[in-house]
C-alpha atoms as a PDB file:
ATOM      1  CA  MET A   1     -10.031 -60.546  85.000  1.00  0.00           C
ATOM      2  CA  TRP A   2     -10.802 -63.631  83.212  1.00  0.00           C
ATOM      3  CA  THR A   3     -10.040 -64.982  80.328  1.00  0.00           C
ATOM      4  CA  ASP A   4     -10.235 -68.325  77.823  1.00  0.00           C
ATOM      5  CA  SER A   5      -8.036 -70.298  77.575  1.00  0.00           C
ATOM      6  CA  SER A   6      -7.563 -71.410  74.071  1.00  0.00           C
ATOM      7  CA  SER A   7      -3.829 -73.336  74.261  1.00  0.00           C
ATOM      8  CA  ARG A   8      -3.885 -77.339  72.690  1.00  0.00           C
ATOM      9  CA  LEU A   9      -2.641 -78.631  76.270  1.00  0.00           C
ATOM     10  CA  GLY A  10      -5.717 -77.362  78.008  1.00  0.00           C
ATOM     11  CA  LYS A  11      -7.630 -79.243  75.748  1.00  0.00           C
ATOM     12  CA  GLN A  12      -8.715 -82.429  74.565  1.00  0.00           C
ATOM     13  CA  ASP A  13     -10.620 -84.857  72.303  1.00  0.00           C
ATOM     14  CA  PHE A  14     -10.531 -82.773  69.072  1.00  0.00           C
ATOM     15  CA  GLU A  15     -12.313 -84.242  66.651  1.00  0.00           C
ATOM     16  CA  SER A  16     -11.944 -82.493  62.855  1.00  0.00           C
ATOM     17  CA  VAL A  17     -15.379 -80.548  61.326  1.00  0.00           C
ATOM     18  CA  ASP A  18     -15.564 -79.539  57.093  1.00  0.00           C
ATOM     19  CA  PRO A  19     -15.764 -75.818  57.986  1.00  0.00           C
ATOM     20  CA  SER A  20     -18.114 -75.800  54.354  1.00  0.00           C
ATOM     21  CA  SER A  21     -20.266 -77.907  56.534  1.00  0.00           C
ATOM     22  CA  VAL A  22     -21.028 -74.688  60.048  1.00  0.00           C
ATOM     23  CA  LEU A  23     -20.365 -71.976  57.438  1.00  0.00           C
ATOM     24  CA  GLU A  24     -23.842 -73.283  56.003  1.00  0.00           C
ATOM     25  CA  GLN A  25     -25.114 -73.461  59.197  1.00  0.00           C
ATOM     26  CA  VAL A  26     -23.941 -70.639  60.449  1.00  0.00           C
ATOM     27  CA  ILE A  27     -25.439 -68.379  57.156  1.00  0.00           C
ATOM     28  CA  ASP A  28     -28.869 -70.364  58.659  1.00  0.00           C
ATOM     29  CA  LEU A  29     -29.039 -68.746  61.990  1.00  0.00           C
ATOM     30  CA  ASP A  30     -30.732 -66.255  62.420  1.00  0.00           C
ATOM     31  CA  VAL A  31     -28.938 -62.960  63.552  1.00  0.00           C
ATOM     32  CA  MET A  32     -30.253 -59.872  65.494  1.00  0.00           C
ATOM     33  CA  ARG A  33     -30.363 -57.549  68.086  1.00  0.00           C
ATOM     34  CA  TRP A  34     -31.381 -57.673  71.360  1.00  0.00           C
ATOM     35  CA  GLN A  35     -31.786 -56.627  74.354  1.00  0.00           C
ATOM     36  CA  TYR A  36     -31.233 -58.734  77.945  1.00  0.00           C
ATOM     37  CA  LYS A  37     -34.899 -57.938  79.548  1.00  0.00           C
ATOM     38  CA  ALA A  38     -33.166 -56.970  82.903  1.00  0.00           C
ATOM     39  CA  GLU A  39     -30.313 -55.071  81.172  1.00  0.00           C
ATOM     40  CA  LEU A  40     -32.902 -53.115  79.419  1.00  0.00           C
ATOM     41  CA  GLY A  41     -30.060 -50.329  77.345  1.00  0.00           C
ATOM     42  CA  SER A  42     -27.792 -52.568  76.428  1.00  0.00           C
ATOM     43  CA  VAL A  43     -27.375 -53.487  72.827  1.00  0.00           C
ATOM     44  CA  HIS A  44     -26.262 -57.208  72.091  1.00  0.00           C
ATOM     45  CA  MET A  45     -25.943 -59.398  68.663  1.00  0.00           C
ATOM     46  CA  GLY A  46     -26.278 -63.035  67.963  1.00  0.00           C
ATOM     47  CA  PRO A  47     -28.578 -65.515  67.977  1.00  0.00           C
ATOM     48  CA  VAL A  48     -30.726 -67.108  70.323  1.00  0.00           C
ATOM     49  CA  ALA A  49     -28.601 -70.376  72.281  1.00  0.00           C
ATOM     50  CA  GLU A  50     -32.414 -72.260  71.169  1.00  0.00           C
ATOM     51  CA  ASP A  51     -31.290 -71.869  67.835  1.00  0.00           C
ATOM     52  CA  PHE A  52     -27.401 -71.921  68.131  1.00  0.00           C
ATOM     53  CA  ARG A  53     -28.593 -76.152  69.780  1.00  0.00           C
ATOM     54  CA  ALA A  54     -30.701 -77.162  67.256  1.00  0.00           C
ATOM     55  CA  ALA A  55     -27.147 -75.551  64.388  1.00  0.00           C
ATOM     56  CA  PHE A  56     -24.636 -77.212  66.660  1.00  0.00           C
ATOM     57  CA  GLY A  57     -25.336 -79.277  69.382  1.00  0.00           C
ATOM     58  CA  LEU A  58     -23.671 -77.494  71.710  1.00  0.00           C
ATOM     59  CA  GLY A  59     -23.569 -76.729  74.877  1.00  0.00           C
ATOM     60  CA  ALA A  60     -25.046 -77.763  78.243  1.00  0.00           C
ATOM     61  CA  ASP A  61     -29.178 -77.017  77.247  1.00  0.00           C
ATOM     62  CA  ASP A  62     -30.863 -74.583  74.146  1.00  0.00           C
ATOM     63  CA  ARG A  63     -31.249 -72.294  77.407  1.00  0.00           C
ATOM     64  CA  HIS A  64     -27.381 -71.086  77.570  1.00  0.00           C
ATOM     65  CA  ILE A  65     -24.673 -70.071  75.443  1.00  0.00           C
ATOM     66  CA  GLN A  66     -21.219 -70.922  77.039  1.00  0.00           C
ATOM     67  CA  LEU A  67     -19.441 -68.204  77.365  1.00  0.00           C
ATOM     68  CA  PRO A  68     -16.282 -68.934  73.806  1.00  0.00           C
ATOM     69  CA  LEU A  69     -19.959 -68.829  71.704  1.00  0.00           C
ATOM     70  CA  ARG A  70     -21.081 -65.476  73.393  1.00  0.00           C
ATOM     71  CA  ARG A  71     -18.356 -64.165  71.468  1.00  0.00           C
ATOM     72  CA  ALA A  72     -18.594 -65.434  68.163  1.00  0.00           C
ATOM     73  CA  PRO A  73     -21.601 -63.147  67.411  1.00  0.00           C
ATOM     74  CA  GLN A  74     -19.394 -60.339  65.537  1.00  0.00           C
ATOM     75  CA  ARG A  75     -17.435 -62.363  63.079  1.00  0.00           C
ATOM     76  CA  LEU A  76     -21.589 -64.286  62.195  1.00  0.00           C
ATOM     77  CA  ASN A  77     -21.580 -61.345  60.007  1.00  0.00           C
ATOM     78  CA  SER A  78     -18.292 -61.305  59.167  1.00  0.00           C
ATOM     79  CA  LEU A  79     -18.013 -65.590  57.853  1.00  0.00           C
ATOM     80  CA  ARG A  80     -21.975 -65.036  56.014  1.00  0.00           C
ATOM     81  CA  GLN A  81     -19.582 -61.947  53.632  1.00  0.00           C
ATOM     82  CA  ARG A  82     -16.812 -64.256  52.243  1.00  0.00           C
END
């Protein structure tokens, strides 16, 4: 089973971010329901990689969202409601 490490021990180069600024960027993201072309019948929800990269500058490129970030879409809508 794959798990992501969330421990400080496995990370470095920490940098504080302004939570209010991040929330403003999240509010501006388009969060949509969609299907992978090769996986019809399975519905997902979240932003597309191009928009996420433009908003936050994170990830290896503008075509992929790294796994820990892919789990965030469900949280995006709940953050918007706060």
